[in-house]
Amino acid sequence: MMAINERGWIAGSVSGGCVEGAVIQAAKEVLKTQQPQRLHFGVADETAWDVGLACGGKIDIFVQLVQEKIIEPLLLRLKSDQSSILSTVIQGPEKSLGSQQLTDEDGEVLASSNGSIDLSSVGNQPEIISIRDTEIFVNPLSASPTLIMIGGVHIAIALTELAHTLDFRTVIIDPRKAFGTTERFPTVDELIQKWPQPAFEQHPLNSSSAVASLSHDPKIDDPALIAALNSSAFYVGALGSMKTQEKRRQRLLKAGLSDETLARLHAPIGVEIGAETPEEIALAIMAQVIAAYRS
């Protein structure tokens, strides 16, 4: 997805740079005419080389005005870690072209423009569905993944910066007032100065959550790991040597976790790259988090 405003400012991408120039020109026309356009580029087209689609394949792009009644609730949901499904009429009668409907994952309608779209047969996967003479693009939009760091230690400072570069939301949880401060973490999205259990009540874990336990204090790390491993978080990792990990494993087993549940724990945390500095360790952790997220 890509956004373009009347000043020519651009956010996002639709093809990694291949057809962006042509899309920008179309967007400027749509801003003037307020009429949506469906663009098609194919490798067989004479214009393919002109627009940069020299790598082959074909691509259709739908260009339309942002609809306030749709975008505002969508952004609120994404910022609160709630996934949504955005459905758009991309072909059909002129009066319905560009109509959109926002639903939650259960199909409940949250917002719509120009009346509701019949989406009774829609699932949670990206697809184009046909209803009579109308084509609808169904686009699931997941909340940005969130990296929750337990312990505001020096590694977490570097990890927060790198996670932001990779479009992760970041959360620091640390009950120790000296560690979890805005001075140490000026760019963190959320700073929670509480123990892990009440912190997770404030920021519930879900399938878009990754948890990195970094505090080196079992009083802080262990409750966080128990909660994270029993949740749907897609990644759970813990800092520490092999000796530290074995002691931790015994404590967690004694606390009631099963071997199967403990198998989810990435410990020692991070990909083995011989990392030594906080920045290198952060890189090793994020590489492992990304691998888990993309799998």
Protein backbone atom coordinates (compact mmCIF):
# COMPACT_ATOMS: atom_id res chain seq x y z
CA MET A 1 0.00 0.00 0.00
CA MET A 2 1.12 3.52 -0.72
CA ALA A 3 -0.13 6.98 0.27
CA ILE A 4 0.35 10.17 -1.74
CA ASN A 5 -0.89 13.64 -0.80
CA GLU A 6 -1.44 16.82 -2.79
CA ARG A 7 2.04 18.07 -1.80
CA GLY A 8 3.64 15.04 -3.40
CA TRP A 9 4.64 13.42 -0.11
CA ILE A 10 4.84 9.62 -0.33
CA ALA A 11 4.61 6.84 2.24
CA GLY A 12 4.84 3.13 1.54
CA SER A 13 5.32 1.26 -1.73
CA VAL A 14 3.33 -0.93 -4.10
CA SER A 15 6.05 -2.60 -6.16
CA GLY A 16 9.42 -1.88 -4.60
CA GLY A 17 10.00 0.96 -7.04
CA CYS A 18 8.99 -0.62 -10.38
CA VAL A 19 5.79 1.30 -11.16
CA GLU A 20 5.72 3.96 -8.46
CA GLY A 21 6.28 6.83 -10.90
CA ALA A 22 3.18 5.95 -12.93
CA VAL A 23 1.14 5.40 -9.77
CA ILE A 24 2.10 8.83 -8.44
CA GLN A 25 0.89 10.45 -11.67
CA ALA A 26 -2.40 8.55 -11.45
CA ALA A 27 -2.79 9.57 -7.80
CA LYS A 28 -2.43 13.23 -8.73
CA GLU A 29 -5.25 12.80 -11.26
CA VAL A 30 -7.45 11.04 -8.68
CA LEU A 31 -6.86 13.89 -6.23
CA LYS A 32 -8.15 16.31 -8.87
CA THR A 33 -11.04 14.28 -10.32
CA GLN A 34 -11.95 12.33 -7.15
CA GLN A 35 -12.59 9.33 -9.43
CA PRO A 36 -10.85 6.03 -8.59
CA GLN A 37 -8.60 4.38 -11.18
CA ARG A 38 -7.57 0.76 -11.65
CA LEU A 39 -4.14 0.52 -13.25
CA HIS A 40 -2.73 -2.55 -14.98
CA PHE A 41 0.90 -3.18 -15.86
CA GLY A 42 2.12 -6.34 -17.59
CA VAL A 43 5.48 -7.44 -18.94
CA ALA A 44 3.89 -7.80 -22.39
CA ASP A 45 2.75 -4.18 -22.41
CA GLU A 46 4.80 -1.68 -24.37
CA THR A 47 4.71 0.57 -21.32
CA ALA A 48 6.24 -2.09 -19.06
CA TRP A 49 9.79 -0.96 -19.73
CA ASP A 50 8.78 2.69 -19.48
CA VAL A 51 7.38 2.30 -15.97
CA GLY A 52 10.17 0.00 -14.84
CA LEU A 53 8.45 -3.41 -14.76
CA ALA A 54 11.44 -4.96 -16.48
CA CYS A 55 11.59 -7.89 -14.04
CA GLY A 56 8.47 -9.44 -15.57
CA GLY A 57 5.05 -10.39 -14.25
CA LYS A 58 1.95 -8.25 -14.02
CA ILE A 59 0.40 -6.02 -11.42
CA ASP A 60 -2.94 -4.28 -10.89
CA ILE A 61 -3.12 -1.24 -8.64
CA PHE A 62 -6.27 0.49 -7.44
CA VAL A 63 -5.90 4.21 -6.75
CA GLN A 64 -8.57 6.05 -4.76
CA LEU A 65 -9.11 8.87 -2.30
CA VAL A 66 -8.66 8.10 1.38
CA GLN A 67 -12.07 7.91 3.05
CA GLU A 68 -12.11 9.55 6.45
CA LYS A 69 -14.91 7.40 7.86
CA ILE A 70 -12.82 4.31 7.03
CA ILE A 71 -9.26 5.43 7.76
CA GLU A 72 -9.88 6.90 11.23
CA PRO A 73 -11.30 3.73 12.85
CA LEU A 74 -8.76 1.61 10.97
CA LEU A 75 -5.81 3.58 12.33
CA LEU A 76 -7.23 3.45 15.85
CA ARG A 77 -7.48 -0.33 15.63
CA LEU A 78 -3.99 -0.79 14.24
CA LYS A 79 -2.52 1.46 16.94
CA SER A 80 -4.25 -0.65 19.60
CA ASP A 81 -2.97 -3.98 18.18
CA GLN A 82 -6.32 -4.95 16.63
CA SER A 83 -6.38 -6.57 13.22
CA SER A 84 -9.02 -5.61 10.66
CA ILE A 85 -10.27 -6.52 7.18
CA LEU A 86 -10.61 -3.76 4.60
CA SER A 87 -12.78 -4.60 1.59
CA THR A 88 -12.87 -2.35 -1.48
CA VAL A 89 -15.01 -2.42 -4.62
CA ILE A 90 -12.42 -2.35 -7.43
CA GLN A 91 -14.73 -3.07 -10.35
CA GLY A 92 -18.44 -2.57 -10.85
CA PRO A 93 -21.06 0.18 -11.25
CA GLU A 94 -19.53 3.66 -11.20
CA LYS A 95 -21.51 4.74 -8.13
CA SER A 96 -20.09 1.86 -6.05
CA LEU A 97 -16.51 1.94 -7.36
CA GLY A 98 -14.14 2.58 -4.46
CA SER A 99 -16.74 1.82 -1.79
CA GLN A 100 -15.13 0.33 1.28
CA GLN A 101 -16.12 -1.65 4.33
CA LEU A 102 -14.10 -2.21 7.50
CA THR A 103 -14.78 -5.32 9.55
CA ASP A 104 -13.14 -7.09 12.44
CA GLU A 105 -11.80 -10.65 12.19
CA ASP A 106 -15.23 -12.02 13.12
CA GLY A 107 -16.94 -10.19 10.27
CA GLU A 108 -18.62 -7.48 12.35
CA VAL A 109 -18.98 -4.29 10.34
CA LEU A 110 -17.10 -1.39 11.95
CA ALA A 111 -17.44 1.25 9.24
CA SER A 112 -18.62 1.49 5.65
CA SER A 113 -18.90 4.01 2.83
CA ASN A 114 -21.74 4.20 0.32
CA GLY A 115 -23.69 1.46 2.02
CA SER A 116 -22.65 -1.99 3.17
CA ILE A 117 -21.00 -4.59 0.94
CA ASP A 118 -22.30 -8.14 1.12
CA LEU A 119 -19.28 -10.01 2.49
CA SER A 120 -20.98 -13.05 4.00
CA SER A 121 -18.64 -15.40 2.11
CA VAL A 122 -15.40 -13.59 2.88
CA GLY A 123 -12.61 -15.22 4.89
CA ASN A 124 -9.44 -13.82 6.46
CA GLN A 125 -7.14 -14.20 3.46
CA PRO A 126 -6.28 -11.63 0.75
CA GLU A 127 -8.48 -12.34 -2.26
CA ILE A 128 -10.64 -10.84 -4.99
CA ILE A 129 -14.23 -12.05 -4.87
CA SER A 130 -16.94 -11.54 -7.48
CA ILE A 131 -20.54 -10.76 -6.57
CA ARG A 132 -22.66 -10.42 -9.71
CA ASP A 133 -21.08 -7.57 -11.72
CA THR A 134 -18.87 -6.38 -8.87
CA GLU A 135 -15.31 -7.30 -7.88
CA ILE A 136 -14.23 -6.75 -4.28
CA PHE A 137 -10.67 -6.82 -3.00
CA VAL A 138 -10.55 -8.27 0.51
CA ASN A 139 -7.44 -7.07 2.32
CA PRO A 140 -6.69 -8.31 5.88
CA LEU A 141 -4.60 -5.74 7.76
CA SER A 142 -2.75 -7.03 10.76
CA ALA A 143 -1.55 -4.80 13.54
CA SER A 144 2.18 -4.10 13.46
CA PRO A 145 4.13 -6.71 15.41
CA THR A 146 5.08 -5.59 18.90
CA LEU A 147 8.37 -6.32 20.65
CA ILE A 148 7.93 -6.37 24.41
CA MET A 149 11.19 -6.14 26.32
CA ILE A 150 11.34 -7.22 29.95
CA GLY A 151 14.00 -5.09 31.62
CA GLY A 152 15.19 -1.63 30.61
CA VAL A 153 18.82 -2.73 30.32
CA HIS A 154 21.49 -1.41 27.94
CA ILE A 155 20.72 -4.08 25.32
CA ALA A 156 17.07 -2.97 25.31
CA ILE A 157 18.13 0.55 24.33
CA ALA A 158 19.78 -0.71 21.13
CA LEU A 159 16.99 -3.24 20.58
CA THR A 160 14.32 -0.54 20.75
CA GLU A 161 16.04 1.52 18.06
CA LEU A 162 16.54 -1.46 15.74
CA ALA A 163 12.97 -2.70 16.24
CA HIS A 164 11.65 0.74 15.25
CA THR A 165 13.71 0.60 12.05
CA LEU A 166 11.99 -2.71 11.26
CA ASP A 167 8.50 -1.25 11.90
CA PHE A 168 7.87 -3.03 15.20
CA ARG A 169 6.02 -1.31 18.00
CA THR A 170 8.11 -1.37 21.17
CA VAL A 171 7.18 -1.79 24.83
CA ILE A 172 9.51 -1.71 27.84
CA ILE A 173 8.36 -3.37 31.08
CA ASP A 174 10.48 -2.80 34.16
CA PRO A 175 9.32 -2.11 37.74
CA ARG A 176 12.73 -0.62 38.59
CA LYS A 177 12.30 3.14 38.28
CA ALA A 178 15.95 3.78 37.45
CA PHE A 179 15.87 1.47 34.42
CA GLY A 180 12.53 2.11 32.76
CA THR A 181 12.70 5.85 32.11
CA THR A 182 11.85 8.08 29.17
CA GLU A 183 15.38 9.50 29.32
CA ARG A 184 16.81 6.05 28.58
CA PHE A 185 14.10 5.19 26.02
CA PRO A 186 13.02 8.39 24.25
CA THR A 187 11.60 6.56 21.20
CA VAL A 188 9.82 3.64 22.90
CA ASP A 189 6.10 3.41 22.06
CA GLU A 190 5.07 2.39 25.56
CA LEU A 191 6.92 2.40 28.87
CA ILE A 192 5.35 0.41 31.71
CA GLN A 193 6.90 0.76 35.18
CA LYS A 194 5.19 -2.28 36.66
CA TRP A 195 5.86 -5.93 37.40
CA PRO A 196 5.20 -8.22 34.42
CA GLN A 197 1.83 -9.63 35.51
CA PRO A 198 0.00 -6.28 35.96
CA ALA A 199 1.90 -4.96 32.94
CA PHE A 200 0.48 -7.73 30.74
CA GLU A 201 -2.98 -6.85 31.99
CA GLN A 202 -2.35 -3.34 30.67
CA HIS A 203 -0.82 -4.66 27.44
CA PRO A 204 -2.24 -8.17 26.75
CA LEU A 205 -0.09 -10.54 24.72
CA ASN A 206 -1.44 -11.80 21.39
CA SER A 207 -0.25 -13.50 18.20
CA SER A 208 1.44 -10.24 17.09
CA SER A 209 3.59 -10.10 20.24
CA ALA A 210 7.26 -10.99 20.64
CA VAL A 211 8.72 -11.07 24.15
CA ALA A 212 12.42 -10.65 24.94
CA SER A 213 13.32 -11.18 28.59
CA LEU A 214 16.49 -9.22 29.35
CA SER A 215 16.52 -8.16 32.99
CA HIS A 216 18.83 -10.89 34.39
CA ASP A 217 16.63 -10.86 37.51
CA PRO A 218 14.59 -14.07 38.01
CA LYS A 219 12.02 -12.13 40.07
CA ILE A 220 11.24 -10.12 36.96
CA ASP A 221 12.09 -12.54 34.15
CA ASP A 222 10.42 -15.73 35.41
CA PRO A 223 6.85 -14.36 35.82
CA ALA A 224 7.17 -12.70 32.43
CA LEU A 225 8.33 -15.92 30.76
CA ILE A 226 5.58 -17.99 32.37
CA ALA A 227 2.93 -15.57 31.10
CA ALA A 228 4.52 -15.26 27.65
CA LEU A 229 5.00 -19.01 27.12
CA ASN A 230 1.38 -19.63 28.08
CA SER A 231 0.18 -16.97 25.63
CA SER A 232 -0.15 -16.86 21.84
CA ALA A 233 2.97 -14.68 21.47
CA PHE A 234 4.79 -15.73 18.29
CA TYR A 235 8.23 -15.40 19.90
CA VAL A 236 9.62 -15.71 23.42
CA GLY A 237 13.33 -15.38 24.14
CA ALA A 238 15.50 -14.99 27.23
CA LEU A 239 18.98 -13.56 27.68
CA GLY A 240 21.61 -15.58 29.55
CA SER A 241 24.35 -18.18 29.28
CA MET A 242 23.74 -21.92 28.93
CA LYS A 243 24.34 -22.29 32.68
CA THR A 244 21.81 -19.54 33.40
CA GLN A 245 19.33 -21.16 31.03
CA GLU A 246 19.54 -24.53 32.77
CA LYS A 247 18.85 -22.95 36.16
CA ARG A 248 15.97 -21.03 34.61
CA ARG A 249 14.60 -24.18 33.02
CA GLN A 250 14.50 -25.97 36.35
CA ARG A 251 12.70 -23.04 37.99
CA LEU A 252 10.11 -22.88 35.21
CA LEU A 253 9.50 -26.63 35.33
CA LYS A 254 9.02 -26.38 39.08
CA ALA A 255 6.57 -23.52 38.46
CA GLY A 256 4.42 -25.88 36.39
CA LEU A 257 5.50 -25.36 32.78
CA SER A 258 5.74 -28.51 30.67
CA ASP A 259 8.69 -29.56 28.52
CA GLU A 260 6.55 -28.92 25.45
CA THR A 261 5.79 -25.37 26.53
CA LEU A 262 9.43 -24.70 27.40
CA ALA A 263 10.43 -25.86 23.93
CA ARG A 264 8.98 -22.57 22.66
CA LEU A 265 11.62 -20.59 24.54
CA HIS A 266 14.57 -19.24 22.52
CA ALA A 267 17.37 -19.41 25.05
CA PRO A 268 20.09 -18.28 24.84
CA ILE A 269 18.31 -15.55 22.92
CA GLY A 270 19.31 -14.51 19.41
CA VAL A 271 21.02 -15.95 16.36
CA GLU A 272 24.60 -17.08 16.97
CA ILE A 273 26.78 -14.45 15.24
CA GLY A 274 29.43 -14.03 17.92
CA ALA A 275 27.76 -10.82 19.12
CA GLU A 276 29.50 -8.87 21.89
CA THR A 277 28.28 -5.26 21.89
CA PRO A 278 24.70 -4.26 22.80
CA GLU A 279 24.08 -3.30 19.17
CA GLU A 280 25.36 -6.65 17.89
CA ILE A 281 23.28 -8.55 20.45
CA ALA A 282 20.23 -6.50 19.41
CA LEU A 283 20.87 -7.46 15.78
CA ALA A 284 21.12 -11.15 16.72
CA ILE A 285 17.83 -10.94 18.65
CA MET A 286 15.94 -9.13 15.90
CA ALA A 287 17.15 -11.61 13.27
CA GLN A 288 15.65 -14.42 15.34
CA VAL A 289 12.44 -12.47 15.98
CA ILE A 290 12.02 -11.73 12.26
CA ALA A 291 12.59 -15.40 11.38
CA ALA A 292 9.87 -16.43 13.84
CA TYR A 293 7.50 -13.72 12.60
CA ARG A 294 7.88 -14.59 8.94
CA SER A 295 7.52 -18.33 9.53
